[in-house]
C-alpha cells in the first residue's frame, strides 16, 4: 500500500503549487519550460525541496485524479509559449505529445463544404439499421 507523502497534503495543494509555477512562467515571459524538473527547482524556493520521484508518485500513485489537471496546466503553458514564439516549435510539439498526451488528430477541417454522399457500404448499413428500427416499432 502506498502511503501519503508528507510533501503535499492533498492533490489540490499540488495543483495550486503547479498553477502558481505556470503563472510565474507566463508572467516572466516564458523563460522557463514547465517541466517537472523545473517545477522541483521552483518548489525548493517557494515551498520545500522536492524531487521528481515525489512528483511522479504524487501524480501517478497518490493523487492520480489530478494528473489530467496537471497535464492541462502544463500543456496550456507550453502551447501559449509556443504560439507566442517563446519556445522552439518542434520541441514544444514533442513535449506536448510526450508529456501531456497530445496527438495528431488526422482530421482535416472542411468548413463550408457540401455534405458528401455515403459510400455504398455505409449507405447499405444505414438503410438496414433504419429497416430494423422500423421492424422493432
N, C-alpha and C. Protein backbone atom coordinates (compact mmCIF):
# COMPACT_ATOMS: atom_id res chain seq x y z
N UNK A 1 0.84 -1.19 0.00
CA UNK A 1 0.00 0.00 0.00
C UNK A 1 0.88 1.25 0.00
N UNK A 2 0.52 2.21 -0.81
CA UNK A 2 1.28 3.45 -0.91
C UNK A 2 0.83 4.38 0.21
N UNK A 3 1.80 4.95 0.90
CA UNK A 3 1.46 5.89 1.96
C UNK A 3 1.42 7.30 1.42
N UNK A 4 0.70 8.13 2.11
CA UNK A 4 0.55 9.53 1.71
C UNK A 4 1.89 10.26 1.91
N UNK A 5 2.35 10.98 0.88
CA UNK A 5 3.62 11.69 1.04
C UNK A 5 3.46 12.86 1.99
N UNK A 6 4.54 13.20 2.68
CA UNK A 6 4.46 14.34 3.59
C UNK A 6 4.75 15.66 2.88
N UNK A 7 5.04 15.62 1.60
CA UNK A 7 5.33 16.85 0.85
C UNK A 7 4.05 17.63 0.53
N UNK A 8 2.99 16.92 0.17
CA UNK A 8 1.75 17.57 -0.24
C UNK A 8 0.60 17.02 0.59
N UNK A 9 -0.17 17.90 1.14
CA UNK A 9 -1.31 17.48 1.97
C UNK A 9 -2.46 16.91 1.13
N UNK A 10 -2.55 17.37 -0.12
CA UNK A 10 -3.63 16.92 -0.99
C UNK A 10 -3.24 17.13 -2.45
N UNK A 11 -4.00 16.52 -3.32
CA UNK A 11 -3.80 16.75 -4.75
C UNK A 11 -4.08 18.20 -5.11
N UNK A 12 -5.07 18.79 -4.45
CA UNK A 12 -5.39 20.19 -4.72
C UNK A 12 -4.21 21.10 -4.38
N UNK A 13 -3.51 20.79 -3.31
CA UNK A 13 -2.34 21.61 -2.95
C UNK A 13 -1.27 21.52 -4.04
N UNK A 14 -1.04 20.32 -4.56
CA UNK A 14 -0.05 20.15 -5.63
C UNK A 14 -0.48 20.93 -6.88
N UNK A 15 -1.75 20.86 -7.23
CA UNK A 15 -2.25 21.60 -8.40
C UNK A 15 -2.12 23.10 -8.17
N UNK A 16 -2.44 23.57 -6.97
CA UNK A 16 -2.31 25.00 -6.68
C UNK A 16 -0.86 25.46 -6.82
N UNK A 17 0.09 24.65 -6.35
CA UNK A 17 1.51 25.00 -6.46
C UNK A 17 1.95 24.99 -7.92
N UNK A 18 1.52 23.97 -8.67
CA UNK A 18 1.90 23.91 -10.08
C UNK A 18 1.27 25.05 -10.87
N UNK A 19 0.05 25.42 -10.52
CA UNK A 19 -0.63 26.54 -11.17
C UNK A 19 0.14 27.84 -10.92
N UNK A 20 0.60 28.04 -9.69
CA UNK A 20 1.39 29.24 -9.36
C UNK A 20 2.70 29.24 -10.14
N UNK A 21 3.32 28.07 -10.28
CA UNK A 21 4.55 27.93 -11.06
C UNK A 21 4.31 28.31 -12.53
N UNK A 22 3.22 27.81 -13.10
CA UNK A 22 2.89 28.12 -14.50
C UNK A 22 2.58 29.61 -14.68
N UNK A 23 1.86 30.20 -13.73
CA UNK A 23 1.57 31.64 -13.79
C UNK A 23 2.87 32.45 -13.77
N UNK A 24 3.80 32.03 -12.94
CA UNK A 24 5.09 32.73 -12.87
C UNK A 24 5.85 32.62 -14.19
N UNK A 25 5.78 31.45 -14.82
CA UNK A 25 6.41 31.28 -16.13
C UNK A 25 5.82 32.28 -17.12
N UNK A 26 4.50 32.37 -17.16
CA UNK A 26 3.81 33.29 -18.06
C UNK A 26 4.18 34.74 -17.75
N UNK A 27 4.13 35.10 -16.46
CA UNK A 27 4.43 36.47 -16.03
C UNK A 27 5.86 36.89 -16.36
N UNK A 28 6.78 35.90 -16.40
CA UNK A 28 8.18 36.20 -16.67
C UNK A 28 8.57 35.98 -18.13
N UNK A 29 7.59 35.89 -19.01
CA UNK A 29 7.87 35.83 -20.45
C UNK A 29 8.30 34.48 -20.96
N UNK A 30 7.88 33.40 -20.32
CA UNK A 30 8.15 32.04 -20.78
C UNK A 30 9.64 31.75 -20.90
N UNK A 31 10.42 32.17 -19.92
CA UNK A 31 11.86 31.92 -19.93
C UNK A 31 12.20 30.53 -19.39
N UNK A 32 11.20 29.85 -18.83
CA UNK A 32 11.37 28.50 -18.29
C UNK A 32 10.30 27.62 -18.92
N UNK A 33 10.67 26.38 -19.21
CA UNK A 33 9.71 25.40 -19.73
C UNK A 33 9.10 24.68 -18.52
N UNK A 34 7.78 24.45 -18.51
CA UNK A 34 7.14 23.84 -17.34
C UNK A 34 7.37 22.33 -17.22
N UNK A 35 8.63 21.95 -17.05
CA UNK A 35 8.96 20.54 -16.84
C UNK A 35 8.83 20.19 -15.37
N UNK A 36 8.79 18.92 -15.06
CA UNK A 36 8.74 18.50 -13.66
C UNK A 36 10.04 18.87 -12.95
N UNK A 37 11.17 18.81 -13.65
CA UNK A 37 12.45 19.18 -13.04
C UNK A 37 12.46 20.67 -12.69
N UNK A 38 12.00 21.50 -13.61
CA UNK A 38 11.95 22.94 -13.33
C UNK A 38 10.97 23.23 -12.18
N UNK A 39 9.88 22.48 -12.12
CA UNK A 39 8.92 22.63 -11.03
C UNK A 39 9.57 22.28 -9.69
N UNK A 40 10.37 21.22 -9.66
CA UNK A 40 11.08 20.84 -8.43
C UNK A 40 12.02 21.96 -7.97
N UNK A 41 12.73 22.57 -8.92
CA UNK A 41 13.61 23.71 -8.56
C UNK A 41 12.80 24.87 -8.02
N UNK A 42 11.64 25.14 -8.62
CA UNK A 42 10.76 26.22 -8.17
C UNK A 42 10.23 25.92 -6.77
N UNK A 43 9.84 24.67 -6.52
CA UNK A 43 9.33 24.29 -5.20
C UNK A 43 10.37 24.52 -4.11
N UNK A 44 11.64 24.29 -4.45
CA UNK A 44 12.72 24.49 -3.47
C UNK A 44 12.72 25.92 -2.92
N UNK A 45 12.42 26.88 -3.77
CA UNK A 45 12.39 28.28 -3.38
C UNK A 45 11.03 28.69 -2.79
N UNK A 46 9.96 28.17 -3.35
CA UNK A 46 8.62 28.63 -2.99
C UNK A 46 7.83 27.73 -2.03
N UNK A 47 8.36 26.54 -1.77
CA UNK A 47 7.62 25.63 -0.90
C UNK A 47 8.62 24.84 -0.05
N UNK A 48 9.07 23.71 -0.56
CA UNK A 48 10.13 22.94 0.10
C UNK A 48 10.78 22.04 -0.93
N UNK A 49 11.99 21.60 -0.64
CA UNK A 49 12.74 20.77 -1.57
C UNK A 49 11.94 19.50 -1.89
N UNK A 50 11.82 19.22 -3.18
CA UNK A 50 11.05 18.08 -3.66
C UNK A 50 11.78 17.48 -4.85
N UNK A 51 11.80 16.17 -4.94
CA UNK A 51 12.44 15.55 -6.10
C UNK A 51 11.40 15.07 -7.12
N UNK A 52 11.88 14.73 -8.32
CA UNK A 52 10.99 14.33 -9.40
C UNK A 52 10.23 13.04 -9.07
N UNK A 53 10.86 12.15 -8.32
CA UNK A 53 10.19 10.90 -7.96
C UNK A 53 8.95 11.19 -7.12
N UNK A 54 9.05 12.17 -6.23
CA UNK A 54 7.89 12.55 -5.40
C UNK A 54 6.78 13.10 -6.28
N UNK A 55 7.14 13.93 -7.26
CA UNK A 55 6.13 14.47 -8.18
C UNK A 55 5.50 13.32 -8.96
N UNK A 56 6.32 12.44 -9.49
CA UNK A 56 5.82 11.30 -10.26
C UNK A 56 4.86 10.46 -9.42
N UNK A 57 5.28 10.08 -8.22
CA UNK A 57 4.43 9.26 -7.35
C UNK A 57 3.14 9.99 -6.97
N UNK A 58 3.24 11.28 -6.73
CA UNK A 58 2.05 12.06 -6.38
C UNK A 58 1.04 12.05 -7.51
N UNK A 59 1.52 12.19 -8.74
CA UNK A 59 0.63 12.25 -9.90
C UNK A 59 0.10 10.88 -10.33
N UNK A 60 0.90 9.85 -10.16
CA UNK A 60 0.52 8.55 -10.69
C UNK A 60 0.02 7.55 -9.66
N UNK A 61 0.39 7.73 -8.39
CA UNK A 61 0.02 6.74 -7.38
C UNK A 61 -0.79 7.33 -6.22
N UNK A 62 -0.40 8.50 -5.74
CA UNK A 62 -1.05 9.06 -4.56
C UNK A 62 -2.32 9.83 -4.91
N UNK A 63 -2.21 10.72 -5.90
CA UNK A 63 -3.34 11.56 -6.30
C UNK A 63 -3.59 11.43 -7.81
N UNK A 64 -3.86 10.24 -8.33
CA UNK A 64 -4.00 10.09 -9.79
C UNK A 64 -5.14 10.91 -10.39
N UNK A 65 -6.11 11.28 -9.59
CA UNK A 65 -7.25 12.06 -10.10
C UNK A 65 -6.84 13.45 -10.57
N UNK A 66 -5.67 13.94 -10.13
CA UNK A 66 -5.25 15.29 -10.53
C UNK A 66 -4.32 15.30 -11.73
N UNK A 67 -3.93 14.13 -12.20
CA UNK A 67 -2.94 14.07 -13.29
C UNK A 67 -3.39 14.84 -14.53
N UNK A 68 -4.65 14.69 -14.91
CA UNK A 68 -5.17 15.41 -16.10
C UNK A 68 -5.12 16.92 -15.88
N UNK A 69 -5.44 17.38 -14.67
CA UNK A 69 -5.37 18.81 -14.38
C UNK A 69 -3.93 19.31 -14.49
N UNK A 70 -3.00 18.53 -13.97
CA UNK A 70 -1.58 18.88 -14.04
C UNK A 70 -1.14 18.98 -15.50
N UNK A 71 -1.49 17.97 -16.31
CA UNK A 71 -1.13 17.96 -17.73
C UNK A 71 -1.80 19.11 -18.47
N UNK A 72 -3.03 19.45 -18.10
CA UNK A 72 -3.74 20.55 -18.75
C UNK A 72 -3.03 21.88 -18.49
N UNK A 73 -2.62 22.10 -17.24
CA UNK A 73 -1.87 23.32 -16.91
C UNK A 73 -0.54 23.36 -17.66
N UNK A 74 0.13 22.23 -17.68
CA UNK A 74 1.42 22.13 -18.37
C UNK A 74 1.25 22.39 -19.86
N UNK A 75 0.25 21.75 -20.47
CA UNK A 75 0.06 21.91 -21.91
C UNK A 75 -0.41 23.32 -22.26
N UNK A 76 -1.26 23.92 -21.44
CA UNK A 76 -1.69 25.30 -21.70
C UNK A 76 -0.49 26.24 -21.69
N UNK A 77 0.38 26.07 -20.73
CA UNK A 77 1.56 26.93 -20.63
C UNK A 77 2.49 26.71 -21.82
N UNK A 78 2.72 25.45 -22.16
CA UNK A 78 3.60 25.15 -23.29
C UNK A 78 3.02 25.64 -24.61
N UNK A 79 1.73 25.39 -24.82
CA UNK A 79 1.09 25.82 -26.07
C UNK A 79 1.10 27.34 -26.19
N UNK A 80 0.80 28.03 -25.10
CA UNK A 80 0.82 29.50 -25.14
C UNK A 80 2.22 30.02 -25.45
N UNK A 81 3.21 29.47 -24.76
CA UNK A 81 4.59 29.89 -25.02
C UNK A 81 5.02 29.58 -26.44
N UNK A 82 4.58 28.43 -26.95
CA UNK A 82 4.92 28.06 -28.32
C UNK A 82 4.26 28.98 -29.33
N UNK A 83 2.98 29.28 -29.11
CA UNK A 83 2.25 30.14 -30.06
C UNK A 83 2.78 31.57 -30.04
N UNK A 84 3.31 31.99 -28.90
CA UNK A 84 3.87 33.34 -28.80
C UNK A 84 5.32 33.40 -29.27
N UNK A 85 5.86 32.27 -29.72
CA UNK A 85 7.22 32.22 -30.24
C UNK A 85 8.29 32.21 -29.16
N UNK A 86 7.93 31.86 -27.95
CA UNK A 86 8.89 31.86 -26.85
C UNK A 86 9.63 30.53 -26.73
N UNK A 87 9.02 29.44 -27.22
CA UNK A 87 9.63 28.12 -27.18
C UNK A 87 9.89 27.65 -28.60
N UNK A 88 10.88 26.80 -28.76
CA UNK A 88 11.21 26.23 -30.06
C UNK A 88 10.05 25.32 -30.48
N UNK A 89 9.46 25.57 -31.67
CA UNK A 89 8.23 24.86 -32.07
C UNK A 89 8.32 23.33 -32.05
N UNK A 90 9.38 22.76 -32.62
CA UNK A 90 9.48 21.31 -32.69
C UNK A 90 9.56 20.69 -31.31
N UNK A 91 10.33 21.29 -30.42
CA UNK A 91 10.45 20.76 -29.07
C UNK A 91 9.15 20.96 -28.28
N UNK A 92 8.43 22.03 -28.57
CA UNK A 92 7.14 22.24 -27.90
C UNK A 92 6.17 21.14 -28.31
N UNK A 93 6.11 20.84 -29.58
CA UNK A 93 5.24 19.77 -30.08
C UNK A 93 5.66 18.43 -29.45
N UNK A 94 6.97 18.17 -29.42
CA UNK A 94 7.49 16.95 -28.81
C UNK A 94 7.05 16.85 -27.35
N UNK A 95 7.20 17.93 -26.60
CA UNK A 95 6.82 17.95 -25.19
C UNK A 95 5.32 17.74 -25.01
N UNK A 96 4.53 18.40 -25.82
CA UNK A 96 3.07 18.26 -25.72
C UNK A 96 2.64 16.81 -25.98
N UNK A 97 3.26 16.19 -26.97
CA UNK A 97 2.89 14.82 -27.31
C UNK A 97 3.37 13.83 -26.25
N UNK A 98 4.59 14.01 -25.75
CA UNK A 98 5.17 13.03 -24.84
C UNK A 98 4.86 13.26 -23.36
N UNK A 99 4.67 14.49 -22.95
CA UNK A 99 4.42 14.80 -21.55
C UNK A 99 2.94 15.00 -21.25
N UNK A 100 2.20 15.47 -22.25
CA UNK A 100 0.82 15.89 -22.00
C UNK A 100 -0.21 15.05 -22.75
N UNK A 101 0.23 14.04 -23.47
CA UNK A 101 -0.70 13.15 -24.15
C UNK A 101 -1.35 13.70 -25.40
N UNK A 102 -0.78 14.79 -25.95
CA UNK A 102 -1.34 15.33 -27.18
C UNK A 102 -0.99 14.40 -28.34
N UNK A 103 -1.78 14.49 -29.42
CA UNK A 103 -1.51 13.72 -30.62
C UNK A 103 -2.11 14.40 -31.82
N UNK A 104 -1.72 13.91 -32.96
CA UNK A 104 -2.30 14.43 -34.20
C UNK A 104 -3.66 13.79 -34.39
N UNK A 105 -4.64 14.60 -34.74
CA UNK A 105 -5.99 14.07 -34.88
C UNK A 105 -6.19 13.35 -36.22
N UNK A 106 -5.45 13.74 -37.22
CA UNK A 106 -5.63 13.13 -38.54
C UNK A 106 -6.85 13.66 -39.26
N UNK A 107 -7.56 14.58 -38.63
CA UNK A 107 -8.75 15.14 -39.25
C UNK A 107 -8.37 16.42 -40.00
N UNK A 108 -9.04 16.63 -41.10
CA UNK A 108 -8.83 17.84 -41.87
C UNK A 108 -10.11 18.67 -41.77
N UNK A 109 -9.94 19.92 -41.40
CA UNK A 109 -11.11 20.80 -41.30
C UNK A 109 -11.67 21.03 -42.70
N UNK A 110 -12.97 20.99 -42.81
CA UNK A 110 -13.63 21.16 -44.10
C UNK A 110 -14.81 22.10 -43.89
N UNK A 111 -14.49 23.36 -43.70
CA UNK A 111 -15.52 24.34 -43.39
C UNK A 111 -16.29 24.75 -44.63
N UNK A 112 -17.59 24.71 -44.53
CA UNK A 112 -18.45 25.19 -45.62
C UNK A 112 -18.57 24.23 -46.79
N UNK A 113 -17.99 23.06 -46.70
CA UNK A 113 -18.08 22.13 -47.82
C UNK A 113 -19.44 21.45 -47.80
N UNK A 114 -19.86 21.04 -48.98
CA UNK A 114 -21.14 20.33 -49.07
C UNK A 114 -20.98 18.94 -48.49
N UNK A 115 -22.08 18.43 -47.95
CA UNK A 115 -22.06 17.09 -47.38
C UNK A 115 -21.88 16.08 -48.50
N UNK A 116 -20.95 15.14 -48.27
CA UNK A 116 -20.69 14.11 -49.28
C UNK A 116 -21.68 12.97 -49.13
N UNK A 117 -21.91 12.26 -50.24
CA UNK A 117 -22.77 11.09 -50.20
C UNK A 117 -22.03 9.96 -49.51
N UNK A 118 -22.80 9.08 -48.86
CA UNK A 118 -22.21 7.91 -48.23
C UNK A 118 -21.71 6.95 -49.29
N UNK A 119 -20.65 6.23 -48.97
CA UNK A 119 -20.18 5.19 -49.88
C UNK A 119 -21.22 4.06 -49.85
N UNK A 120 -21.20 3.16 -50.82
CA UNK A 120 -22.24 2.12 -50.91
C UNK A 120 -22.38 1.28 -49.64
N UNK A 121 -21.30 0.91 -49.00
CA UNK A 121 -21.37 0.08 -47.80
C UNK A 121 -22.05 0.85 -46.66
N UNK A 122 -21.64 2.10 -46.43
CA UNK A 122 -22.24 2.91 -45.38
C UNK A 122 -23.72 3.12 -45.65
N UNK A 123 -24.04 3.41 -46.91
CA UNK A 123 -25.44 3.61 -47.28
C UNK A 123 -26.26 2.36 -47.00
N UNK A 124 -25.73 1.20 -47.35
CA UNK A 124 -26.42 -0.06 -47.13
C UNK A 124 -26.62 -0.32 -45.64
N UNK A 125 -25.60 -0.05 -44.82
CA UNK A 125 -25.71 -0.26 -43.38
C UNK A 125 -26.74 0.67 -42.75
N UNK A 126 -26.77 1.91 -43.20
CA UNK A 126 -27.76 2.87 -42.68
C UNK A 126 -29.18 2.42 -43.04
N UNK A 127 -29.35 1.96 -44.28
CA UNK A 127 -30.67 1.50 -44.71
C UNK A 127 -31.11 0.30 -43.88
N UNK A 128 -30.20 -0.64 -43.63
CA UNK A 128 -30.53 -1.82 -42.83
C UNK A 128 -30.88 -1.43 -41.40
N UNK A 129 -30.14 -0.49 -40.82
CA UNK A 129 -30.42 -0.02 -39.47
C UNK A 129 -31.81 0.62 -39.41
N UNK A 130 -32.15 1.40 -40.42
CA UNK A 130 -33.47 2.03 -40.45
C UNK A 130 -34.57 0.97 -40.55
N UNK A 131 -34.34 -0.06 -41.40
CA UNK A 131 -35.32 -1.13 -41.57
C UNK A 131 -35.52 -1.87 -40.25
N UNK A 132 -34.44 -2.16 -39.53
CA UNK A 132 -34.53 -2.86 -38.26
C UNK A 132 -35.25 -2.02 -37.21
N UNK A 133 -35.01 -0.71 -37.22
CA UNK A 133 -35.72 0.19 -36.31
C UNK A 133 -37.21 0.21 -36.58
N UNK A 134 -37.58 0.20 -37.88
CA UNK A 134 -39.00 0.19 -38.25
C UNK A 134 -39.64 -1.10 -37.82
N UNK A 135 -38.94 -2.24 -38.00
CA UNK A 135 -39.47 -3.54 -37.61
C UNK A 135 -39.66 -3.63 -36.10
N UNK A 136 -38.80 -2.98 -35.35
CA UNK A 136 -38.86 -3.03 -33.88
C UNK A 136 -40.05 -2.23 -33.38
N UNK A 137 -40.47 -1.23 -34.12
CA UNK A 137 -41.61 -0.39 -33.68
C UNK A 137 -42.86 -1.12 -33.94
